[in-house]
PDB file of N, CA and C in Angstrom:
ATOM      1  N   UNK A   1       1.089  -1.246  -0.146  1.00  0.00           N
ATOM      2  CA  UNK A   1       0.047  -0.143  -0.049  1.00  0.00           C
ATOM      3  C   UNK A   1       0.972   0.880   0.355  1.00  0.00           C
ATOM      4  N   UNK A   2       1.579   1.518  -0.844  1.00  0.00           N
ATOM      5  CA  UNK A   2       2.170   2.818  -1.259  1.00  0.00           C
ATOM      6  C   UNK A   2       1.481   4.478  -0.957  1.00  0.00           C
ATOM      7  N   UNK A   3       1.515   4.541   0.616  1.00  0.00           N
ATOM      8  CA  UNK A   3       0.841   5.760   0.306  1.00  0.00           C
ATOM      9  C   UNK A   3       2.111   6.774   1.164  1.00  0.00           C
ATOM     10  N   UNK A   4       1.778   8.133   0.898  1.00  0.00           N
ATOM     11  CA  UNK A   4       3.041   9.485   1.726  1.00  0.00           C
ATOM     12  C   UNK A   4       1.999   9.618   2.704  1.00  0.00           C
ATOM     13  N   UNK A   5       1.224   9.551   3.030  1.00  0.00           N
ATOM     14  CA  UNK A   5       0.307   9.736   4.113  1.00  0.00           C
ATOM     15  C   UNK A   5      -0.279   8.736   5.346  1.00  0.00           C
ATOM     16  N   UNK A   6      -0.438   7.839   4.652  1.00  0.00           N
ATOM     17  CA  UNK A   6      -0.851   6.349   5.746  1.00  0.00           C
ATOM     18  C   UNK A   6      -0.021   5.452   5.610  1.00  0.00           C
ATOM     19  N   UNK A   7       0.699   4.823   6.381  1.00  0.00           N
ATOM     20  CA  UNK A   7       1.379   3.776   6.354  1.00  0.00           C
ATOM     21  C   UNK A   7       1.050   2.487   6.546  1.00  0.00           C
ATOM     22  N   UNK A   8      -0.480   2.614   6.867  1.00  0.00           N
ATOM     23  CA  UNK A   8      -1.168   1.385   7.870  1.00  0.00           C
ATOM     24  C   UNK A   8      -2.607   1.372   7.806  1.00  0.00           C
ATOM     25  N   UNK A   9      -3.691  -0.020   7.025  1.00  0.00           N
ATOM     26  CA  UNK A   9      -5.049   0.268   7.868  1.00  0.00           C
ATOM     27  C   UNK A   9      -5.507  -0.941   8.174  1.00  0.00           C
ATOM     28  N   UNK A  10      -5.700  -1.331   8.968  1.00  0.00           N
ATOM     29  CA  UNK A  10      -6.665  -2.522   9.530  1.00  0.00           C
ATOM     30  C   UNK A  10      -7.846  -2.426   9.751  1.00  0.00           C
ATOM     31  N   UNK A  11      -8.789  -3.300   9.504  1.00  0.00           N
ATOM     32  CA  UNK A  11     -10.288  -3.431   9.655  1.00  0.00           C
ATOM     33  C   UNK A  11     -10.507  -4.468  10.444  1.00  0.00           C
ATOM     34  N   UNK A  12     -11.516  -4.579  11.345  1.00  0.00           N
ATOM     35  CA  UNK A  12     -12.595  -5.465  12.349  1.00  0.00           C
ATOM     36  C   UNK A  12     -13.857  -5.363  12.198  1.00  0.00           C
ATOM     37  N   UNK A  13     -14.274  -6.233  11.409  1.00  0.00           N
ATOM     38  CA  UNK A  13     -15.028  -6.544  10.257  1.00  0.00           C
ATOM     39  C   UNK A  13     -16.549  -6.931  11.581  1.00  0.00           C
ATOM     40  N   UNK A  14     -16.288  -7.350  12.295  1.00  0.00           N
ATOM     41  CA  UNK A  14     -17.527  -7.443  13.707  1.00  0.00           C
ATOM     42  C   UNK A  14     -17.972  -6.646  14.445  1.00  0.00           C
ATOM     43  N   UNK A  15     -16.719  -5.492  14.739  1.00  0.00           N
ATOM     44  CA  UNK A  15     -16.646  -4.201  14.999  1.00  0.00           C
ATOM     45  C   UNK A  15     -17.364  -3.032  13.980  1.00  0.00           C
ATOM     46  N   UNK A  16     -16.482  -3.432  13.069  1.00  0.00           N
ATOM     47  CA  UNK A  16     -16.865  -1.901  11.998  1.00  0.00           C
ATOM     48  C   UNK A  16     -15.847  -1.236  12.180  1.00  0.00           C
ATOM     49  N   UNK A  17     -14.546  -1.430  13.044  1.00  0.00           N
ATOM     50  CA  UNK A  17     -13.497  -0.521  12.946  1.00  0.00           C
ATOM     51  C   UNK A  17     -12.244  -0.502  12.651  1.00  0.00           C
ATOM     52  N   UNK A  18     -12.385   0.798  11.812  1.00  0.00           N
ATOM     53  CA  UNK A  18     -11.219   0.530  10.610  1.00  0.00           C
ATOM     54  C   UNK A  18      -9.543   1.637  11.749  1.00  0.00           C
ATOM     55  N   UNK A  19      -9.046   1.354  11.614  1.00  0.00           N
ATOM     56  CA  UNK A  19      -7.419   1.360  12.006  1.00  0.00           C
ATOM     57  C   UNK A  19      -6.581   2.265  11.221  1.00  0.00           C
ATOM     58  N   UNK A  20      -5.887   3.865  11.431  1.00  0.00           N
ATOM     59  CA  UNK A  20      -5.018   4.040   9.824  1.00  0.00           C
ATOM     60  C   UNK A  20      -3.968   4.658  11.103  1.00  0.00           C
ATOM     61  N   UNK A  21      -3.198   4.031  10.504  1.00  0.00           N
ATOM     62  CA  UNK A  21      -1.739   4.740  10.785  1.00  0.00           C
ATOM     63  C   UNK A  21      -0.924   5.690   9.938  1.00  0.00           C
ATOM     64  N   UNK A  22      -0.522   6.471  10.446  1.00  0.00           N
ATOM     65  CA  UNK A  22       0.169   7.375   9.725  1.00  0.00           C
ATOM     66  C   UNK A  22       1.818   7.776   9.536  1.00  0.00           C
ATOM     67  N   UNK A  23       1.586   7.713   8.523  1.00  0.00           N
ATOM     68  CA  UNK A  23       3.336   7.331   8.484  1.00  0.00           C
ATOM     69  C   UNK A  23       4.263   9.202   8.966  1.00  0.00           C
ATOM     70  N   UNK A  24       5.118   8.880   9.250  1.00  0.00           N
ATOM     71  CA  UNK A  24       6.153   9.712  10.001  1.00  0.00           C
ATOM     72  C   UNK A  24       5.714   9.983  11.339  1.00  0.00           C
ATOM     73  N   UNK A  25       4.599  10.447  11.932  1.00  0.00           N
ATOM     74  CA  UNK A  25       4.260  10.362  12.894  1.00  0.00           C
ATOM     75  C   UNK A  25       3.587   9.234  14.078  1.00  0.00           C
ATOM     76  N   UNK A  26       3.263   8.033  13.206  1.00  0.00           N
ATOM     77  CA  UNK A  26       3.207   6.902  13.523  1.00  0.00           C
ATOM     78  C   UNK A  26       1.842   6.734  14.439  1.00  0.00           C
ATOM     79  N   UNK A  27       1.277   7.982  14.467  1.00  0.00           N
ATOM     80  CA  UNK A  27      -0.182   8.356  15.644  1.00  0.00           C
ATOM     81  C   UNK A  27      -1.734   7.126  14.910  1.00  0.00           C
ATOM     82  N   UNK A  28      -1.847   6.537  15.171  1.00  0.00           N
ATOM     83  CA  UNK A  28      -3.180   5.288  15.326  1.00  0.00           C
ATOM     84  C   UNK A  28      -4.770   6.291  15.607  1.00  0.00           C
ATOM     85  N   UNK A  29      -5.410   6.879  14.791  1.00  0.00           N
ATOM     86  CA  UNK A  29      -6.881   6.669  14.895  1.00  0.00           C
ATOM     87  C   UNK A  29      -7.419   5.652  14.347  1.00  0.00           C
ATOM     88  N   UNK A  30      -8.537   5.155  15.133  1.00  0.00           N
ATOM     89  CA  UNK A  30      -9.767   4.114  15.211  1.00  0.00           C
ATOM     90  C   UNK A  30     -11.028   4.964  14.821  1.00  0.00           C
ATOM     91  N   UNK A  31     -11.357   4.652  13.760  1.00  0.00           N
ATOM     92  CA  UNK A  31     -12.806   5.049  13.035  1.00  0.00           C
ATOM     93  C   UNK A  31     -13.618   4.034  13.435  1.00  0.00           C
ATOM     94  N   UNK A  32     -15.114   4.688  13.949  1.00  0.00           N
ATOM     95  CA  UNK A  32     -16.193   3.451  14.166  1.00  0.00           C
ATOM     96  C   UNK A  32     -17.067   3.556  13.421  1.00  0.00           C
ATOM     97  N   UNK A  33     -18.141   2.244  13.293  1.00  0.00           N
ATOM     98  CA  UNK A  33     -19.161   2.018  12.452  1.00  0.00           C
ATOM     99  C   UNK A  33     -18.587   2.186  10.800  1.00  0.00           C
ATOM    100  N   UNK A  34     -17.542   1.975  10.446  1.00  0.00           N
ATOM    101  CA  UNK A  34     -17.196   1.690   8.818  1.00  0.00           C
ATOM    102  C   UNK A  34     -17.183   0.888   8.562  1.00  0.00           C
ATOM    103  N   UNK A  35     -18.759   0.774   7.183  1.00  0.00           N
ATOM    104  CA  UNK A  35     -19.147   0.015   6.873  1.00  0.00           C
ATOM    105  C   UNK A  35     -18.451  -1.192   6.009  1.00  0.00           C
ATOM    106  N   UNK A  36     -17.963  -2.878   5.364  1.00  0.00           N
ATOM    107  CA  UNK A  36     -16.719  -3.512   5.703  1.00  0.00           C
ATOM    108  C   UNK A  36     -16.833  -2.288   3.580  1.00  0.00           C
ATOM    109  N   UNK A  37     -17.512  -2.433   3.261  1.00  0.00           N
ATOM    110  CA  UNK A  37     -17.579  -1.535   1.721  1.00  0.00           C
ATOM    111  C   UNK A  37     -16.594  -0.308   1.422  1.00  0.00           C
ATOM    112  N   UNK A  38     -17.082   0.504   2.507  1.00  0.00           N
ATOM    113  CA  UNK A  38     -15.627   1.504   2.651  1.00  0.00           C
ATOM    114  C   UNK A  38     -14.372   1.305   2.531  1.00  0.00           C
ATOM    115  N   UNK A  39     -14.262   0.299   3.849  1.00  0.00           N
ATOM    116  CA  UNK A  39     -12.896  -0.100   3.852  1.00  0.00           C
ATOM    117  C   UNK A  39     -12.439  -1.230   2.793  1.00  0.00           C
ATOM    118  N   UNK A  40     -13.410  -2.236   2.006  1.00  0.00           N
ATOM    119  CA  UNK A  40     -12.672  -2.169   0.581  1.00  0.00           C
ATOM    120  C   UNK A  40     -12.576  -1.484  -0.261  1.00  0.00           C
ATOM    121  N   UNK A  41     -13.295  -0.657  -0.110  1.00  0.00           N
ATOM    122  CA  UNK A  41     -12.474   0.587  -1.391  1.00  0.00           C
ATOM    123  C   UNK A  41     -11.677   1.577  -1.176  1.00  0.00           C
ATOM    124  N   UNK A  42     -11.518   1.481   0.790  1.00  0.00           N
ATOM    125  CA  UNK A  42      -9.894   2.596   0.664  1.00  0.00           C
ATOM    126  C   UNK A  42      -8.957   1.444   0.722  1.00  0.00           C
ATOM    127  N   UNK A  43      -8.966   0.073   0.508  1.00  0.00           N
ATOM    128  CA  UNK A  43      -7.837  -0.893   0.201  1.00  0.00           C
ATOM    129  C   UNK A  43      -7.465  -0.357  -0.653  1.00  0.00           C
ATOM    130  N   UNK A  44      -8.508  -0.261  -1.789  1.00  0.00           N
ATOM    131  CA  UNK A  44      -8.460  -0.260  -3.612  1.00  0.00           C
ATOM    132  C   UNK A  44      -7.994   0.674  -4.063  1.00  0.00           C
ATOM    133  N   UNK A  45      -8.117   1.681  -3.443  1.00  0.00           N
ATOM    134  CA  UNK A  45      -7.782   3.279  -3.515  1.00  0.00           C
ATOM    135  C   UNK A  45      -6.329   3.415  -4.174  1.00  0.00           C
ATOM    136  N   UNK A  46      -6.385   4.067  -5.333  1.00  0.00           N
ATOM    137  CA  UNK A  46      -5.030   4.568  -6.051  1.00  0.00           C
ATOM    138  C   UNK A  46      -4.433   5.762  -5.120  1.00  0.00           C
ATOM    139  N   UNK A  47      -5.134   6.753  -4.615  1.00  0.00           N
ATOM    140  CA  UNK A  47      -4.585   7.499  -3.369  1.00  0.00           C
ATOM    141  C   UNK A  47      -5.138   7.482  -2.021  1.00  0.00           C
ATOM    142  N   UNK A  48      -4.686   6.704  -0.961  1.00  0.00           N
ATOM    143  CA  UNK A  48      -5.096   6.335   0.069  1.00  0.00           C
ATOM    144  C   UNK A  48      -5.390   7.529   1.120  1.00  0.00           C
ATOM    145  N   UNK A  49      -4.030   8.163   1.002  1.00  0.00           N
ATOM    146  CA  UNK A  49      -4.296  10.083   1.364  1.00  0.00           C
ATOM    147  C   UNK A  49      -6.143  10.679   1.156  1.00  0.00           C
ATOM    148  N   UNK A  50      -6.318  10.953  -0.625  1.00  0.00           N
ATOM    149  CA  UNK A  50      -6.688  11.570  -1.036  1.00  0.00           C
ATOM    150  C   UNK A  50      -8.535  10.662  -0.269  1.00  0.00           C
ATOM    151  N   UNK A  51      -8.282   9.445  -0.881  1.00  0.00           N
ATOM    152  CA  UNK A  51      -9.649   8.495   0.059  1.00  0.00           C
ATOM    153  C   UNK A  51     -10.108   9.028   0.934  1.00  0.00           C
ATOM    154  N   UNK A  52      -9.026   9.040   1.855  1.00  0.00           N
ATOM    155  CA  UNK A  52      -9.056   8.845   3.311  1.00  0.00           C
ATOM    156  C   UNK A  52      -9.978  10.748   3.550  1.00  0.00           C
ATOM    157  N   UNK A  53      -9.158  11.140   3.111  1.00  0.00           N
ATOM    158  CA  UNK A  53      -9.541  12.814   3.436  1.00  0.00           C
ATOM    159  C   UNK A  53     -11.294  12.791   2.907  1.00  0.00           C
ATOM    160  N   UNK A  54     -11.462  12.630   1.808  1.00  0.00           N
ATOM    161  CA  UNK A  54     -13.097  12.691   0.705  1.00  0.00           C
ATOM    162  C   UNK A  54     -13.872  11.704   1.751  1.00  0.00           C
ATOM    163  N   UNK A  55     -13.415  10.278   2.226  1.00  0.00           N
ATOM    164  CA  UNK A  55     -14.508   9.258   2.621  1.00  0.00           C
ATOM    165  C   UNK A  55     -14.451   8.848   4.026  1.00  0.00           C
ATOM    166  N   UNK A  56     -13.756   9.308   4.505  1.00  0.00           N
ATOM    167  CA  UNK A  56     -13.521   8.842   6.205  1.00  0.00           C
ATOM    168  C   UNK A  56     -13.435  10.094   6.971  1.00  0.00           C
ATOM    169  N   UNK A  57     -12.848  10.944   6.893  1.00  0.00           N
ATOM    170  CA  UNK A  57     -12.021  11.834   7.423  1.00  0.00           C
ATOM    171  C   UNK A  57     -13.546  12.929   7.872  1.00  0.00           C
ATOM    172  N   UNK A  58     -13.953  13.336   9.213  1.00  0.00           N
ATOM    173  CA  UNK A  58     -15.198  13.860   9.634  1.00  0.00           C
ATOM    174  C   UNK A  58     -16.274  13.372   9.346  1.00  0.00           C
ATOM    175  N   UNK A  59     -16.394  12.099   8.879  1.00  0.00           N
ATOM    176  CA  UNK A  59     -17.555  11.214   8.078  1.00  0.00           C
ATOM    177  C   UNK A  59     -18.062  10.093   9.424  1.00  0.00           C
ATOM    178  N   UNK A  60     -16.847   9.769  10.356  1.00  0.00           N
ATOM    179  CA  UNK A  60     -17.027   8.406  11.029  1.00  0.00           C
ATOM    180  C   UNK A  60     -16.924   8.788  12.402  1.00  0.00           C
ATOM    181  N   UNK A  61     -16.964   8.866  13.557  1.00  0.00           N
ATOM    182  CA  UNK A  61     -16.392   8.617  14.932  1.00  0.00           C
ATOM    183  C   UNK A  61     -15.553   8.302  15.128  1.00  0.00           C
ATOM    184  N   UNK A  62     -14.430   8.805  15.931  1.00  0.00           N
ATOM    185  CA  UNK A  62     -13.243   8.291  15.680  1.00  0.00           C
ATOM    186  C   UNK A  62     -12.453   8.435  17.193  1.00  0.00           C
ATOM    187  N   UNK A  63     -11.219   7.860  17.344  1.00  0.00           N
ATOM    188  CA  UNK A  63     -10.377   7.791  18.646  1.00  0.00           C
ATOM    189  C   UNK A  63      -9.211   7.993  18.186  1.00  0.00           C
ATOM    190  N   UNK A  64      -8.512   9.405  18.837  1.00  0.00           N
ATOM    191  CA  UNK A  64      -6.512   9.293  18.608  1.00  0.00           C
ATOM    192  C   UNK A  64      -6.109   8.566  19.336  1.00  0.00           C
ATOM    193  N   UNK A  65      -5.389   7.941  19.121  1.00  0.00           N
ATOM    194  CA  UNK A  65      -4.326   7.125  19.847  1.00  0.00           C
ATOM    195  C   UNK A  65      -2.831   7.647  18.982  1.00  0.00           C
ATOM    196  N   UNK A  66      -2.631   8.492  20.380  1.00  0.00           N
ATOM    197  CA  UNK A  66      -1.381   9.210  20.405  1.00  0.00           C
ATOM    198  C   UNK A  66       0.091   8.558  20.192  1.00  0.00           C
ATOM    199  N   UNK A  67      -0.245   6.963  20.968  1.00  0.00           N
ATOM    200  CA  UNK A  67       1.032   6.728  21.247  1.00  0.00           C
ATOM    201  C   UNK A  67       0.699   5.001  21.245  1.00  0.00           C
ATOM    202  N   UNK A  68       0.471   4.145  20.072  1.00  0.00           N
ATOM    203  CA  UNK A  68      -0.373   3.101  20.312  1.00  0.00           C
ATOM    204  C   UNK A  68       0.728   2.373  20.586  1.00  0.00           C
ATOM    205  N   UNK A  69       1.712   2.447  20.701  1.00  0.00           N
ATOM    206  CA  UNK A  69       2.896   1.326  21.466  1.00  0.00           C
ATOM    207  C   UNK A  69       2.803   1.486  23.143  1.00  0.00           C
ATOM    208  N   UNK A  70       2.278   2.514  23.332  1.00  0.00           N
ATOM    209  CA  UNK A  70       2.377   3.118  24.961  1.00  0.00           C
ATOM    210  C   UNK A  70       3.501   3.282  25.205  1.00  0.00           C
ATOM    211  N   UNK A  71       4.471   3.962  24.776  1.00  0.00           N
ATOM    212  CA  UNK A  71       6.115   4.357  24.922  1.00  0.00           C
ATOM    213  C   UNK A  71       6.803   3.011  24.586  1.00  0.00           C
ATOM    214  N   UNK A  72       6.536   2.118  23.700  1.00  0.00           N
ATOM    215  CA  UNK A  72       7.433   1.235  23.760  1.00  0.00           C
ATOM    216  C   UNK A  72       7.539   1.078  22.111  1.00  0.00           C
ATOM    217  N   UNK A  73       8.608   1.704  21.188  1.00  0.00           N
ATOM    218  CA  UNK A  73       8.568   1.496  20.092  1.00  0.00           C
ATOM    219  C   UNK A  73       9.589   0.687  19.032  1.00  0.00           C
ATOM    220  N   UNK A  74       9.405  -0.469  18.785  1.00  0.00           N
ATOM    221  CA  UNK A  74      10.683  -1.101  18.096  1.00  0.00           C
ATOM    222  C   UNK A  74      11.608  -0.326  17.128  1.00  0.00           C
ATOM    223  N   UNK A  75      12.783  -1.388  17.315  1.00  0.00           N
ATOM    224  CA  UNK A  75      13.999  -0.272  16.382  1.00  0.00           C
ATOM    225  C   UNK A  75      14.337  -0.709  15.425  1.00  0.00           C
TER     226      UNK A  75
END
């Protein structure tokens, strides 16, 4: 998934929770009640950042997790 803004995405279909990690900061945001079709389209999008900004950001309830590793960072 090459993207200049997003380093990784994951989805939990049981809870409709989309997790998005951002490149550079490593920050994690969790978006709730995201339909599976949105996740599938996100995975296939040519521009992850553009898709995120248009279809996800400011459209779903979210939680910002500033330090997803709890202070532990892989070397």
